[in-house]
């Protein structure tokens, strides 16, 4: 019995800690960006902005490999869909999705989740618009978390043909 509990503790606790540490760090940095503010009226949506953007990261934390793939689809009608796939220590978690609306403010896009579990979000997540990418502005605490788990900066790269 003691050996079984010890085995469970060795197998389960590192997995739970890894899920928590890596998942919370990356997902929070992506979905709960540090540069949040309330939404505002939108500038016109540039013709080149709508399309599909992706972010990929992989690494190892506590000797456990992890991978994240995020797909952000921006529609011309100022709506978006975000899908997150993650694999931690060889175990793929169910896809997480978020849908919402976005506005353009100068050289930034502001995302607001409209269907979170607790109703529409008042937070807005800020991304810097570049010709071929969107760069998340996560603030210094978000950058520290990303560096702590060995993840690259959150840069969504526009996919060709979209």
Protein backbone atom coordinates (compact mmCIF):
# COMPACT_ATOMS: atom_id res chain seq x y z
CA UNK A 1 0.00 0.00 0.00
CA UNK A 2 2.75 2.44 0.95
CA UNK A 3 4.62 1.59 -2.25
CA UNK A 4 1.47 2.20 -4.31
CA UNK A 5 0.88 5.60 -2.66
CA UNK A 6 4.53 6.50 -3.25
CA UNK A 7 4.19 5.46 -6.91
CA UNK A 8 1.01 7.48 -7.29
CA UNK A 9 2.68 10.46 -5.70
CA UNK A 10 5.67 10.16 -8.02
CA UNK A 11 3.52 9.72 -11.12
CA UNK A 12 0.58 12.02 -10.35
CA UNK A 13 2.03 14.96 -8.46
CA UNK A 14 4.72 15.81 -11.01
CA UNK A 15 2.10 15.56 -13.78
CA UNK A 16 -0.31 17.79 -11.87
CA UNK A 17 2.43 20.27 -11.02
CA UNK A 18 3.66 20.25 -14.61
CA UNK A 19 0.13 20.73 -15.92
CA UNK A 20 -0.37 23.59 -13.51
CA UNK A 21 2.99 25.28 -14.02
CA UNK A 22 3.25 25.03 -17.76
CA UNK A 23 -0.43 25.26 -18.52
CA UNK A 24 -1.03 28.22 -16.27
CA UNK A 25 2.05 30.04 -17.49
CA UNK A 26 1.51 29.67 -21.21
CA UNK A 27 -2.27 29.76 -21.29
CA UNK A 28 -2.41 32.75 -18.95
CA UNK A 29 0.20 34.55 -20.99
CA UNK A 30 -1.69 33.88 -24.21
CA UNK A 31 -5.28 34.31 -23.07
CA UNK A 32 -4.91 36.71 -20.19
CA UNK A 33 -2.32 39.04 -21.63
CA UNK A 34 -0.79 41.50 -19.22
CA UNK A 35 -1.67 44.51 -21.37
CA UNK A 36 -5.41 44.22 -20.81
CA UNK A 37 -7.79 47.16 -21.01
CA UNK A 38 -11.42 47.81 -21.84
CA UNK A 39 -12.57 47.82 -25.46
CA UNK A 40 -13.13 50.97 -27.48
CA UNK A 41 -14.53 51.99 -30.86
CA UNK A 42 -12.70 50.37 -33.75
CA UNK A 43 -10.61 51.95 -36.46
CA UNK A 44 -11.29 50.42 -39.89
CA UNK A 45 -10.01 46.85 -40.19
CA UNK A 46 -7.01 46.82 -42.58
CA UNK A 47 -7.66 44.56 -45.57
CA UNK A 48 -4.52 42.55 -44.77
CA UNK A 49 -5.43 41.89 -41.11
CA UNK A 50 -8.13 39.15 -41.35
CA UNK A 51 -6.79 35.62 -41.71
CA UNK A 52 -5.24 32.80 -39.72
CA UNK A 53 -2.37 33.34 -37.30
CA UNK A 54 -0.53 30.63 -35.36
CA UNK A 55 1.75 30.40 -32.35
CA UNK A 56 3.77 27.29 -31.56
CA UNK A 57 5.94 26.58 -28.56
CA UNK A 58 7.62 23.51 -27.20
CA UNK A 59 10.02 22.86 -24.41
CA UNK A 60 10.63 20.98 -21.23
CA UNK A 61 9.90 21.92 -17.64
CA UNK A 62 10.98 19.69 -14.75
CA UNK A 63 12.26 17.26 -17.41
CA UNK A 64 8.72 16.88 -18.77
CA UNK A 65 8.21 17.82 -22.44
CA UNK A 66 5.36 20.10 -23.44
CA UNK A 67 4.00 21.54 -26.69
CA UNK A 68 1.46 24.26 -27.41
CA UNK A 69 -0.19 25.17 -30.69
CA UNK A 70 -2.55 28.15 -30.87
CA UNK A 71 -4.59 29.11 -33.93
CA UNK A 72 -6.20 32.55 -34.09
CA UNK A 73 -8.69 33.16 -36.90
CA UNK A 74 -9.63 36.80 -37.48
CA UNK A 75 -12.74 37.39 -39.59
CA UNK A 76 -13.32 40.62 -41.55
CA UNK A 77 -16.51 41.21 -39.49
CA UNK A 78 -14.39 41.84 -36.34
CA UNK A 79 -14.95 38.41 -34.78
CA UNK A 80 -12.29 35.89 -33.86
CA UNK A 81 -11.91 32.28 -32.87
CA UNK A 82 -8.93 31.00 -30.90
CA UNK A 83 -8.10 27.30 -30.54
CA UNK A 84 -5.44 25.95 -28.16
CA UNK A 85 -3.97 22.46 -28.40
CA UNK A 86 -1.48 21.31 -25.78
CA UNK A 87 0.44 18.16 -25.07
CA UNK A 88 2.20 17.73 -21.74
CA UNK A 89 4.48 14.78 -21.04
CA UNK A 90 3.08 12.93 -24.06
CA UNK A 91 -0.55 13.38 -23.04
CA UNK A 92 -2.68 15.52 -25.32
CA UNK A 93 -5.32 17.59 -23.53
CA UNK A 94 -8.73 18.39 -25.06
CA UNK A 95 -8.77 21.42 -27.36
CA UNK A 96 -9.68 24.69 -25.67
CA UNK A 97 -11.50 27.33 -27.70
CA UNK A 98 -12.44 30.93 -27.26
CA UNK A 99 -14.59 33.14 -29.46
CA UNK A 100 -14.98 36.85 -29.32
CA UNK A 101 -14.85 40.22 -30.97
CA UNK A 102 -11.96 42.47 -31.81
CA UNK A 103 -11.36 46.12 -32.52
CA UNK A 104 -8.48 47.89 -34.20
CA UNK A 105 -6.91 50.80 -32.36
CA UNK A 106 -4.02 52.36 -34.26
CA UNK A 107 -1.36 49.67 -34.66
CA UNK A 108 -2.98 47.33 -32.14
CA UNK A 109 -5.75 44.77 -32.19
CA UNK A 110 -7.79 44.34 -29.01
CA UNK A 111 -9.47 40.96 -28.41
CA UNK A 112 -12.43 40.45 -26.07
CA UNK A 113 -13.77 37.00 -25.23
CA UNK A 114 -17.57 37.02 -25.55
CA UNK A 115 -18.33 33.50 -24.29
CA UNK A 116 -16.20 32.74 -21.22
CA UNK A 117 -17.70 30.49 -18.52
CA UNK A 118 -18.76 33.49 -16.41
CA UNK A 119 -20.31 35.55 -19.26
CA UNK A 120 -18.80 38.22 -21.51
CA UNK A 121 -15.35 39.37 -20.43
CA UNK A 122 -14.62 43.01 -19.68
CA UNK A 123 -10.89 42.46 -20.27
CA UNK A 124 -9.35 43.18 -23.62
CA UNK A 125 -6.15 41.49 -24.77
CA UNK A 126 -3.71 43.63 -26.74
CA UNK A 127 -1.66 42.53 -29.76
CA UNK A 128 0.70 44.71 -31.80
CA UNK A 129 -0.05 44.52 -35.53
CA UNK A 130 2.92 43.81 -37.81
CA UNK A 131 2.74 43.08 -41.58
CA UNK A 132 3.14 39.30 -41.10
CA UNK A 133 2.41 38.78 -37.42
CA UNK A 134 0.64 39.84 -34.22
CA UNK A 135 2.82 40.31 -31.15
CA UNK A 136 1.23 39.83 -27.73
CA UNK A 137 2.01 42.56 -25.24
CA UNK A 138 2.22 40.49 -22.07
CA UNK A 139 4.02 42.93 -19.79
CA UNK A 140 7.11 42.19 -17.74
CA UNK A 141 5.42 39.65 -15.47
CA UNK A 142 4.16 37.68 -18.45
CA UNK A 143 7.63 37.77 -19.98
CA UNK A 144 9.13 36.43 -16.75
CA UNK A 145 6.63 33.58 -16.67
CA UNK A 146 7.33 32.69 -20.30
CA UNK A 147 11.09 32.73 -19.72
CA UNK A 148 10.62 30.68 -16.54
CA UNK A 149 9.02 27.81 -18.44
CA UNK A 150 11.30 28.23 -21.45
CA UNK A 151 8.62 29.42 -23.88
CA UNK A 152 9.32 31.85 -26.71
CA UNK A 153 7.66 35.26 -26.88
CA UNK A 154 4.03 35.11 -27.98
CA UNK A 155 4.14 36.01 -31.67
CA UNK A 156 1.24 34.89 -33.83
CA UNK A 157 2.55 34.40 -37.39
CA UNK A 158 0.15 34.97 -40.28
CA UNK A 159 -0.32 31.90 -42.45
CA UNK A 160 0.11 32.35 -46.18
CA UNK A 161 -3.00 32.24 -48.31
CA UNK A 162 -5.31 33.45 -45.55
